[in-house]
N, C-alpha and C. Protein backbone atom coordinates (compact mmCIF):
# COMPACT_ATOMS: atom_id res chain seq x y z
N VAL A 1 0.89 -1.17 0.00
CA VAL A 1 -0.02 0.00 0.00
C VAL A 1 0.86 1.25 -0.02
N PHE A 2 0.55 2.22 -0.80
CA PHE A 2 1.24 3.46 -0.81
C PHE A 2 0.28 4.64 -0.70
N GLU A 3 0.81 5.74 -0.24
CA GLU A 3 -0.03 6.97 -0.05
C GLU A 3 -0.21 7.66 -1.41
N GLY A 4 -1.50 7.78 -1.85
CA GLY A 4 -1.73 8.36 -3.17
C GLY A 4 -2.11 9.84 -3.05
N LYS A 5 -2.54 10.35 -1.93
CA LYS A 5 -2.97 11.74 -1.82
C LYS A 5 -3.17 12.08 -0.32
N ARG A 6 -2.87 13.34 0.01
CA ARG A 6 -3.19 13.84 1.32
C ARG A 6 -3.53 15.32 1.16
N ASP A 7 -4.39 15.80 2.05
CA ASP A 7 -4.86 17.19 1.91
C ASP A 7 -4.14 18.03 3.03
N TYR A 8 -3.85 19.34 2.59
CA TYR A 8 -3.31 20.30 3.50
C TYR A 8 -4.23 21.52 3.41
N GLU A 9 -4.36 22.26 4.60
CA GLU A 9 -5.16 23.36 4.64
C GLU A 9 -4.33 24.60 4.94
N CYS A 10 -4.61 25.65 4.22
CA CYS A 10 -3.86 26.92 4.39
C CYS A 10 -4.34 27.55 5.79
N ARG A 11 -3.37 27.87 6.61
CA ARG A 11 -3.61 28.42 7.92
C ARG A 11 -4.26 29.79 7.84
N LYS A 12 -4.06 30.48 6.74
CA LYS A 12 -4.68 31.85 6.65
C LYS A 12 -6.03 31.84 5.98
N CYS A 13 -6.20 31.32 4.78
CA CYS A 13 -7.46 31.34 4.07
C CYS A 13 -8.32 30.10 4.27
N LYS A 14 -7.80 29.05 4.91
CA LYS A 14 -8.49 27.75 5.15
C LYS A 14 -8.91 26.98 3.96
N HIS A 15 -8.27 27.34 2.79
CA HIS A 15 -8.57 26.56 1.55
C HIS A 15 -7.76 25.24 1.63
N ARG A 16 -8.36 24.15 1.19
CA ARG A 16 -7.70 22.86 1.20
C ARG A 16 -7.06 22.49 -0.19
N PHE A 17 -5.86 21.99 -0.13
CA PHE A 17 -5.10 21.62 -1.33
C PHE A 17 -4.69 20.17 -1.25
N PRO A 18 -4.97 19.41 -2.34
CA PRO A 18 -4.52 18.03 -2.36
C PRO A 18 -3.03 18.00 -2.78
N VAL A 19 -2.24 17.19 -2.13
CA VAL A 19 -0.81 16.97 -2.43
C VAL A 19 -0.68 15.51 -2.80
N ILE A 20 -0.15 15.28 -4.04
CA ILE A 20 -0.03 13.98 -4.55
C ILE A 20 1.49 13.64 -4.60
N PRO A 21 1.92 12.57 -3.96
CA PRO A 21 3.33 12.18 -4.03
C PRO A 21 3.72 11.67 -5.35
N GLU A 22 4.99 11.74 -5.74
CA GLU A 22 5.46 11.28 -7.01
C GLU A 22 6.19 10.00 -6.83
N LEU A 23 5.93 9.02 -7.71
CA LEU A 23 6.70 7.78 -7.64
C LEU A 23 8.25 7.99 -7.89
N GLU A 24 8.51 8.98 -8.67
CA GLU A 24 9.91 9.28 -9.03
C GLU A 24 10.77 9.69 -7.89
N THR A 25 10.12 10.27 -6.85
CA THR A 25 10.92 10.74 -5.74
C THR A 25 10.70 9.82 -4.51
N GLY A 26 10.24 8.59 -4.72
CA GLY A 26 10.07 7.64 -3.65
C GLY A 26 8.88 7.86 -2.82
N ASN A 27 7.81 8.49 -3.41
CA ASN A 27 6.53 8.72 -2.77
C ASN A 27 6.66 9.63 -1.57
N SER A 28 7.65 10.46 -1.59
CA SER A 28 7.78 11.37 -0.38
C SER A 28 6.98 12.66 -0.68
N ILE A 29 6.44 13.11 0.42
CA ILE A 29 5.72 14.42 0.40
C ILE A 29 6.40 15.37 1.34
N ARG A 30 6.79 16.56 0.83
CA ARG A 30 7.40 17.65 1.66
C ARG A 30 6.25 18.40 2.29
N LEU A 31 6.41 18.61 3.60
CA LEU A 31 5.31 19.30 4.26
C LEU A 31 5.41 20.85 3.91
N PRO A 32 4.34 21.38 3.36
CA PRO A 32 4.33 22.75 3.07
C PRO A 32 4.38 23.54 4.41
N SER A 33 5.22 24.57 4.44
CA SER A 33 5.44 25.28 5.80
C SER A 33 4.28 26.06 6.27
N TYR A 34 3.46 26.65 5.39
CA TYR A 34 2.38 27.47 5.84
C TYR A 34 1.02 26.77 5.88
N PHE A 35 1.13 25.45 5.73
CA PHE A 35 -0.14 24.65 5.64
C PHE A 35 -0.12 23.65 6.83
N GLN A 36 -1.33 23.22 7.20
CA GLN A 36 -1.41 22.14 8.18
C GLN A 36 -2.09 20.94 7.55
N PHE A 37 -1.70 19.78 7.99
CA PHE A 37 -2.26 18.51 7.54
C PHE A 37 -3.72 18.34 8.01
N VAL A 38 -4.56 17.94 7.09
CA VAL A 38 -5.98 17.66 7.33
C VAL A 38 -6.12 16.21 7.77
N GLU A 39 -6.62 16.04 8.99
CA GLU A 39 -6.79 14.64 9.46
C GLU A 39 -7.75 13.84 8.61
N ASN A 40 -7.50 12.51 8.55
CA ASN A 40 -8.31 11.57 7.78
C ASN A 40 -8.46 11.94 6.31
N SER A 41 -7.45 12.59 5.72
CA SER A 41 -7.52 12.95 4.33
C SER A 41 -6.65 12.10 3.44
N ILE A 42 -5.98 11.10 4.03
CA ILE A 42 -5.03 10.27 3.27
C ILE A 42 -5.79 9.24 2.45
N VAL A 43 -5.43 9.21 1.17
CA VAL A 43 -6.01 8.15 0.26
C VAL A 43 -4.85 7.24 -0.11
N CYS A 44 -5.06 5.92 0.11
CA CYS A 44 -4.00 4.94 -0.16
C CYS A 44 -4.42 4.05 -1.33
N HIS A 45 -3.42 3.48 -2.02
CA HIS A 45 -3.63 2.66 -3.15
C HIS A 45 -2.81 1.34 -2.95
N ASP A 46 -3.31 0.31 -3.62
CA ASP A 46 -2.52 -0.93 -3.67
C ASP A 46 -1.30 -0.70 -4.54
N TYR A 47 -0.16 -1.37 -4.12
CA TYR A 47 1.08 -1.06 -4.81
C TYR A 47 1.91 -2.31 -4.79
N GLN A 48 2.60 -2.59 -5.95
CA GLN A 48 3.49 -3.74 -6.02
C GLN A 48 4.65 -3.42 -6.97
N GLU A 49 5.76 -3.74 -6.57
CA GLU A 49 6.91 -3.50 -7.50
C GLU A 49 7.46 -4.86 -7.89
N ILE A 50 7.52 -5.11 -9.21
CA ILE A 50 8.08 -6.30 -9.74
C ILE A 50 9.20 -6.04 -10.63
N LYS A 51 9.94 -7.00 -11.04
CA LYS A 51 11.07 -6.83 -11.98
C LYS A 51 10.83 -7.76 -13.17
N ILE A 52 10.83 -7.11 -14.34
CA ILE A 52 10.71 -8.00 -15.62
C ILE A 52 12.08 -8.04 -16.30
N GLN A 53 12.27 -9.14 -16.97
CA GLN A 53 13.53 -9.27 -17.72
C GLN A 53 13.23 -9.90 -19.08
N GLU A 54 14.27 -9.78 -19.93
CA GLU A 54 14.17 -10.32 -21.27
C GLU A 54 13.89 -11.79 -21.22
N SER A 55 13.23 -12.28 -22.22
CA SER A 55 12.99 -13.73 -22.28
C SER A 55 14.34 -14.43 -22.60
N THR A 56 14.65 -15.46 -21.84
CA THR A 56 15.88 -16.12 -22.07
C THR A 56 15.93 -16.94 -23.37
N GLN A 57 14.68 -17.13 -23.98
CA GLN A 57 14.62 -17.89 -25.19
C GLN A 57 15.15 -17.07 -26.39
N VAL A 58 15.18 -15.71 -26.34
CA VAL A 58 15.69 -15.02 -27.39
C VAL A 58 17.12 -14.50 -27.24
N LEU A 59 17.79 -14.90 -26.11
CA LEU A 59 19.12 -14.47 -25.88
C LEU A 59 20.12 -15.51 -26.34
N GLY A 60 21.28 -15.06 -26.69
CA GLY A 60 22.32 -15.95 -27.08
C GLY A 60 22.99 -16.64 -25.86
N VAL A 61 23.79 -17.66 -26.18
CA VAL A 61 24.40 -18.36 -25.07
C VAL A 61 25.42 -17.47 -24.34
N GLY A 62 25.27 -17.41 -22.99
CA GLY A 62 26.23 -16.61 -22.20
C GLY A 62 25.74 -15.21 -22.01
N SER A 63 24.62 -14.85 -22.58
CA SER A 63 24.12 -13.47 -22.41
C SER A 63 23.31 -13.34 -21.13
N ILE A 64 23.42 -12.18 -20.50
CA ILE A 64 22.65 -11.89 -19.27
C ILE A 64 21.41 -11.11 -19.65
N PRO A 65 20.22 -11.58 -19.25
CA PRO A 65 19.04 -10.83 -19.63
C PRO A 65 19.00 -9.48 -18.88
N LEU A 66 18.53 -8.47 -19.65
CA LEU A 66 18.33 -7.12 -19.07
C LEU A 66 17.01 -7.17 -18.29
N SER A 67 17.00 -6.26 -17.28
CA SER A 67 15.80 -6.23 -16.44
C SER A 67 15.45 -4.79 -16.10
N ILE A 68 14.20 -4.54 -15.68
CA ILE A 68 13.74 -3.20 -15.31
C ILE A 68 12.68 -3.39 -14.21
N PRO A 69 12.70 -2.55 -13.21
CA PRO A 69 11.60 -2.60 -12.22
C PRO A 69 10.33 -2.06 -12.79
N VAL A 70 9.15 -2.66 -12.46
CA VAL A 70 7.84 -2.20 -12.95
C VAL A 70 6.98 -2.01 -11.67
N VAL A 71 6.31 -0.90 -11.67
CA VAL A 71 5.35 -0.56 -10.62
C VAL A 71 3.99 -0.85 -11.07
N LEU A 72 3.24 -1.69 -10.25
CA LEU A 72 1.90 -2.05 -10.49
C LEU A 72 1.06 -1.36 -9.41
N LYS A 73 -0.05 -0.70 -9.90
CA LYS A 73 -0.92 -0.01 -8.92
C LYS A 73 -2.35 -0.51 -9.04
N ASP A 74 -3.07 -0.38 -7.97
CA ASP A 74 -4.45 -0.63 -7.86
C ASP A 74 -4.90 -2.01 -8.34
N ASP A 75 -5.64 -2.06 -9.47
CA ASP A 75 -6.16 -3.36 -9.97
C ASP A 75 -5.10 -4.21 -10.66
N LEU A 76 -3.89 -3.75 -10.91
CA LEU A 76 -2.85 -4.54 -11.52
C LEU A 76 -2.07 -5.37 -10.52
N VAL A 77 -2.23 -5.11 -9.22
CA VAL A 77 -1.50 -5.77 -8.18
C VAL A 77 -1.89 -7.19 -8.08
N ASP A 78 -0.92 -8.13 -7.97
CA ASP A 78 -1.15 -9.55 -7.76
C ASP A 78 -1.81 -10.22 -8.95
N ILE A 79 -1.71 -9.75 -10.11
CA ILE A 79 -2.29 -10.51 -11.28
C ILE A 79 -1.23 -11.31 -12.01
N VAL A 80 0.09 -11.13 -11.64
CA VAL A 80 1.09 -11.90 -12.31
C VAL A 80 1.95 -12.54 -11.20
N LYS A 81 2.63 -13.67 -11.53
CA LYS A 81 3.50 -14.28 -10.57
C LYS A 81 4.82 -14.54 -11.20
N ALA A 82 5.79 -14.90 -10.46
CA ALA A 82 7.18 -15.12 -10.93
C ALA A 82 7.11 -16.22 -12.03
N GLY A 83 7.81 -15.94 -13.15
CA GLY A 83 7.91 -16.94 -14.18
C GLY A 83 6.89 -16.69 -15.35
N ASP A 84 5.82 -15.88 -15.09
CA ASP A 84 4.87 -15.55 -16.10
C ASP A 84 5.48 -14.83 -17.24
N ASP A 85 5.08 -15.18 -18.53
CA ASP A 85 5.46 -14.35 -19.69
C ASP A 85 4.38 -13.38 -19.81
N VAL A 86 4.75 -12.04 -19.82
CA VAL A 86 3.74 -11.01 -19.85
C VAL A 86 4.27 -9.89 -20.82
N ILE A 87 3.28 -9.15 -21.31
CA ILE A 87 3.56 -7.95 -22.11
C ILE A 87 3.05 -6.85 -21.23
N VAL A 88 3.91 -5.87 -20.95
CA VAL A 88 3.58 -4.71 -20.01
C VAL A 88 3.52 -3.43 -20.86
N MET A 89 2.43 -2.71 -20.75
CA MET A 89 2.35 -1.39 -21.31
C MET A 89 2.30 -0.36 -20.22
N GLY A 90 2.93 0.79 -20.48
CA GLY A 90 2.90 1.83 -19.42
C GLY A 90 3.82 3.00 -19.78
N VAL A 91 4.34 3.65 -18.73
CA VAL A 91 5.11 4.84 -18.94
C VAL A 91 6.50 4.59 -18.37
N LEU A 92 7.49 4.87 -19.14
CA LEU A 92 8.89 4.77 -18.68
C LEU A 92 9.28 6.06 -18.08
N THR A 93 9.80 6.03 -16.88
CA THR A 93 10.24 7.22 -16.11
C THR A 93 11.52 6.90 -15.42
N ALA A 94 11.94 7.85 -14.62
CA ALA A 94 13.21 7.69 -13.92
C ALA A 94 12.92 7.85 -12.41
N LYS A 95 13.54 7.10 -11.54
CA LYS A 95 13.45 7.30 -10.12
C LYS A 95 14.73 7.94 -9.58
N TRP A 96 14.57 9.00 -8.83
CA TRP A 96 15.65 9.74 -8.23
C TRP A 96 16.20 9.00 -7.07
N SER A 97 17.48 8.75 -7.03
CA SER A 97 17.95 7.84 -5.96
C SER A 97 18.47 8.67 -4.74
N SER A 98 18.71 9.94 -4.88
CA SER A 98 19.20 10.74 -3.72
C SER A 98 18.62 12.11 -3.75
N ASP A 99 18.27 12.62 -2.59
CA ASP A 99 17.69 13.96 -2.48
C ASP A 99 18.50 14.71 -1.39
N LEU A 100 19.76 14.50 -1.37
CA LEU A 100 20.63 15.17 -0.35
C LEU A 100 21.45 16.27 -1.01
N LYS A 101 21.65 17.28 -0.23
CA LYS A 101 22.43 18.46 -0.69
C LYS A 101 23.91 18.01 -0.92
N ASP A 102 24.40 18.53 -2.00
CA ASP A 102 25.85 18.27 -2.41
C ASP A 102 26.13 16.84 -2.71
N VAL A 103 25.11 16.09 -2.95
CA VAL A 103 25.29 14.61 -3.32
C VAL A 103 24.76 14.46 -4.72
N ARG A 104 25.54 13.94 -5.58
CA ARG A 104 25.03 13.74 -6.93
C ARG A 104 23.93 12.67 -6.94
N CYS A 105 22.86 12.99 -7.56
CA CYS A 105 21.73 12.05 -7.67
C CYS A 105 21.86 11.17 -8.92
N ASP A 106 21.44 9.91 -8.76
CA ASP A 106 21.38 8.99 -9.83
C ASP A 106 20.00 8.74 -10.27
N LEU A 107 19.80 8.56 -11.58
CA LEU A 107 18.44 8.21 -12.10
C LEU A 107 18.41 6.77 -12.43
N ASP A 108 17.42 6.07 -11.80
CA ASP A 108 17.28 4.63 -12.14
C ASP A 108 16.01 4.51 -12.99
N PRO A 109 15.98 3.70 -14.05
CA PRO A 109 14.80 3.61 -14.87
C PRO A 109 13.67 2.89 -14.07
N LEU A 110 12.47 3.31 -14.36
CA LEU A 110 11.35 2.76 -13.64
C LEU A 110 10.19 2.75 -14.64
N PHE A 111 9.47 1.68 -14.73
CA PHE A 111 8.36 1.51 -15.66
C PHE A 111 7.08 1.46 -14.82
N VAL A 112 6.12 2.40 -15.09
CA VAL A 112 4.87 2.46 -14.35
C VAL A 112 3.86 1.81 -15.24
N ALA A 113 3.33 0.67 -14.92
CA ALA A 113 2.48 -0.11 -15.80
C ALA A 113 0.99 0.47 -15.70
N ASN A 114 0.36 0.48 -16.87
CA ASN A 114 -1.05 0.76 -16.90
C ASN A 114 -1.89 -0.37 -17.52
N HIS A 115 -1.18 -1.37 -18.02
CA HIS A 115 -1.88 -2.54 -18.53
C HIS A 115 -0.85 -3.76 -18.59
N ILE A 116 -1.35 -4.91 -18.19
CA ILE A 116 -0.57 -6.12 -18.33
C ILE A 116 -1.39 -7.18 -19.06
N ALA A 117 -0.74 -7.76 -20.07
CA ALA A 117 -1.37 -8.90 -20.87
C ALA A 117 -0.52 -10.13 -20.63
N ALA A 118 -1.12 -11.20 -20.09
CA ALA A 118 -0.43 -12.45 -19.86
C ALA A 118 -0.40 -13.21 -21.18
N GLN A 119 0.75 -13.89 -21.43
CA GLN A 119 0.89 -14.74 -22.52
C GLN A 119 0.73 -16.24 -22.09
N LEU A 120 0.03 -16.97 -22.91
CA LEU A 120 -0.19 -18.40 -22.68
C LEU A 120 0.31 -19.13 -23.88
N ASN A 121 1.48 -19.79 -23.66
CA ASN A 121 2.09 -20.53 -24.84
C ASN A 121 2.27 -19.63 -26.02
N ASN A 122 2.85 -18.44 -25.77
CA ASN A 122 3.14 -17.43 -26.82
C ASN A 122 1.90 -16.96 -27.52
N ILE A 123 0.71 -17.18 -26.94
CA ILE A 123 -0.54 -16.72 -27.49
C ILE A 123 -1.14 -15.75 -26.45
N MET A 124 -1.69 -14.64 -26.85
CA MET A 124 -2.23 -13.75 -25.86
C MET A 124 -3.47 -14.41 -25.26
N SER A 125 -3.78 -13.99 -24.03
CA SER A 125 -4.92 -14.54 -23.26
C SER A 125 -6.24 -14.20 -24.04
N PRO A 126 -7.23 -15.01 -23.87
CA PRO A 126 -8.52 -14.83 -24.54
C PRO A 126 -9.20 -13.47 -24.20
N LEU A 127 -8.98 -13.00 -22.96
CA LEU A 127 -9.55 -11.73 -22.56
C LEU A 127 -8.97 -10.60 -23.40
N TYR A 128 -7.63 -10.58 -23.61
CA TYR A 128 -6.93 -9.59 -24.41
C TYR A 128 -7.40 -9.69 -25.87
N LEU A 129 -7.54 -10.89 -26.38
CA LEU A 129 -8.03 -11.11 -27.78
C LEU A 129 -9.42 -10.52 -27.94
N SER A 130 -10.28 -10.76 -26.98
CA SER A 130 -11.64 -10.25 -27.12
C SER A 130 -11.59 -8.68 -27.03
N ILE A 131 -10.78 -8.12 -26.27
CA ILE A 131 -10.71 -6.65 -26.25
C ILE A 131 -10.19 -6.09 -27.56
N VAL A 132 -9.18 -6.71 -28.14
CA VAL A 132 -8.75 -6.28 -29.46
C VAL A 132 -9.84 -6.40 -30.48
N SER A 133 -10.58 -7.55 -30.43
CA SER A 133 -11.63 -7.81 -31.38
C SER A 133 -12.76 -6.72 -31.22
N TYR A 134 -13.07 -6.46 -29.98
CA TYR A 134 -14.10 -5.47 -29.70
C TYR A 134 -13.81 -4.12 -30.23
N VAL A 135 -12.50 -3.67 -29.99
CA VAL A 135 -12.12 -2.38 -30.50
C VAL A 135 -12.13 -2.39 -32.06
N ALA A 136 -11.71 -3.41 -32.63
CA ALA A 136 -11.61 -3.49 -34.08
C ALA A 136 -13.02 -3.45 -34.71
N LEU A 137 -13.92 -4.23 -34.13
CA LEU A 137 -15.23 -4.36 -34.74
C LEU A 137 -16.16 -3.19 -34.49
N ASP A 138 -15.96 -2.49 -33.40
CA ASP A 138 -16.79 -1.35 -33.08
C ASP A 138 -16.18 0.01 -33.32
N VAL A 139 -15.35 0.09 -34.29
CA VAL A 139 -14.65 1.34 -34.54
C VAL A 139 -15.66 2.48 -34.86
N ARG A 140 -16.75 2.12 -35.45
CA ARG A 140 -17.81 3.18 -35.76
C ARG A 140 -18.32 3.83 -34.45
N LEU A 141 -18.43 3.08 -33.39
CA LEU A 141 -18.90 3.64 -32.20
C LEU A 141 -18.00 4.76 -31.72
N TYR A 142 -16.64 4.58 -31.84
CA TYR A 142 -15.71 5.54 -31.37
C TYR A 142 -15.49 6.65 -32.31
N SER A 143 -15.93 6.53 -33.49
CA SER A 143 -15.63 7.59 -34.52
C SER A 143 -16.79 8.52 -34.70
N THR A 144 -17.84 8.39 -33.88
CA THR A 144 -19.06 9.25 -34.12
C THR A 144 -18.73 10.75 -33.93
N ASN A 145 -17.90 11.06 -32.97
CA ASN A 145 -17.58 12.43 -32.72
C ASN A 145 -16.42 13.02 -33.48
N ILE A 146 -15.82 12.14 -34.28
CA ILE A 146 -14.67 12.56 -35.10
C ILE A 146 -15.06 12.30 -36.60
N ASP A 147 -14.77 13.27 -37.42
CA ASP A 147 -15.02 13.18 -38.84
C ASP A 147 -13.93 12.28 -39.50
N VAL A 148 -14.17 10.91 -39.55
CA VAL A 148 -13.30 9.97 -40.13
C VAL A 148 -13.97 9.51 -41.44
N PRO A 149 -13.25 9.66 -42.59
CA PRO A 149 -13.83 9.27 -43.82
C PRO A 149 -14.18 7.78 -43.84
N GLU A 150 -15.23 7.38 -44.54
CA GLU A 150 -15.71 6.04 -44.60
C GLU A 150 -14.64 5.12 -45.17
N LYS A 151 -13.79 5.57 -46.07
CA LYS A 151 -12.75 4.72 -46.67
C LYS A 151 -11.75 4.38 -45.58
N ILE A 152 -11.41 5.26 -44.69
CA ILE A 152 -10.41 4.96 -43.65
C ILE A 152 -11.08 3.97 -42.69
N ILE A 153 -12.31 4.07 -42.31
CA ILE A 153 -12.95 3.08 -41.48
C ILE A 153 -13.01 1.72 -42.06
N GLN A 154 -13.33 1.68 -43.35
CA GLN A 154 -13.31 0.37 -44.06
C GLN A 154 -11.89 -0.26 -44.04
N LYS A 155 -10.91 0.57 -44.26
CA LYS A 155 -9.53 0.11 -44.33
C LYS A 155 -9.13 -0.44 -42.97
N PHE A 156 -9.49 0.28 -41.89
CA PHE A 156 -9.25 -0.17 -40.52
C PHE A 156 -9.89 -1.49 -40.23
N GLU A 157 -11.21 -1.63 -40.55
CA GLU A 157 -11.94 -2.83 -40.24
C GLU A 157 -11.34 -4.03 -41.11
N GLN A 158 -10.98 -3.75 -42.33
CA GLN A 158 -10.38 -4.81 -43.17
C GLN A 158 -9.04 -5.25 -42.60
N PHE A 159 -8.25 -4.29 -42.02
CA PHE A 159 -6.99 -4.61 -41.42
C PHE A 159 -7.17 -5.66 -40.33
N TRP A 160 -8.21 -5.36 -39.41
CA TRP A 160 -8.35 -6.25 -38.29
C TRP A 160 -9.01 -7.57 -38.65
N VAL A 161 -9.78 -7.55 -39.77
CA VAL A 161 -10.31 -8.82 -40.27
C VAL A 161 -9.15 -9.69 -40.75
N ASP A 162 -8.15 -9.10 -41.45
CA ASP A 162 -7.00 -9.81 -41.92
C ASP A 162 -6.17 -10.41 -40.80
N PHE A 163 -6.10 -9.72 -39.65
CA PHE A 163 -5.32 -10.14 -38.55
C PHE A 163 -6.19 -10.71 -37.41
N LYS A 164 -7.36 -11.21 -37.77
CA LYS A 164 -8.33 -11.69 -36.81
C LYS A 164 -7.73 -12.84 -35.95
N ASP A 165 -7.02 -13.76 -36.63
CA ASP A 165 -6.41 -14.91 -35.87
C ASP A 165 -5.11 -14.57 -35.18
N THR A 166 -4.40 -13.56 -35.64
CA THR A 166 -3.10 -13.16 -35.03
C THR A 166 -3.11 -11.64 -34.75
N PRO A 167 -3.80 -11.20 -33.70
CA PRO A 167 -3.87 -9.78 -33.45
C PRO A 167 -2.57 -9.13 -33.05
N LEU A 168 -1.65 -9.96 -32.49
CA LEU A 168 -0.34 -9.32 -32.07
C LEU A 168 0.45 -8.93 -33.36
N LYS A 169 0.37 -9.80 -34.35
CA LYS A 169 1.00 -9.42 -35.62
C LYS A 169 0.41 -8.17 -36.20
N GLY A 170 -0.89 -7.97 -36.00
CA GLY A 170 -1.49 -6.79 -36.48
C GLY A 170 -1.08 -5.56 -35.68
N ILE A 171 -0.89 -5.76 -34.35
CA ILE A 171 -0.43 -4.61 -33.54
C ILE A 171 1.01 -4.27 -33.94
N ASN A 172 1.84 -5.32 -34.13
CA ASN A 172 3.21 -5.08 -34.55
C ASN A 172 3.29 -4.40 -35.89
N ARG A 173 2.41 -4.68 -36.83
CA ARG A 173 2.31 -4.12 -38.12
C ARG A 173 2.03 -2.60 -38.07
N LEU A 174 1.17 -2.25 -37.11
CA LEU A 174 0.85 -0.83 -36.90
C LEU A 174 2.04 -0.08 -36.39
């Protein structure tokens, strides 16, 4: 569990301000000097940090797989276990390792996940396939507020019909 937000109140005007900690700085919140903490205003989130690494199947003999830490929040927590083959989508950022005066800070890469798709025998899970199919087949629903030419919509739909059985190849093609 990590702290997602806390409120502070101005001592002069009594206005409340939410303060959101940043993952990049280790979830630390600096206490504003002219504000006071509002009791019972802390909002917490589920949090898990995992490490993903390159698949050893694609590496040469004697190669060491590269790895990167991945932060999972809220509903992504506890959906993968060690040894699972996954595809992670998210935001690559950097974590500051030091916040001390006159000390050089180092940046460590950090990947904040917003979606994880589990692979089963090098095939995407049925849930992910159904999501891809749903998006591909209902493109008209999403294009109602945007002026998309009919020819482009037909081209898009035909593209996903062609890659119906292999949606990952379709995504890679894009």
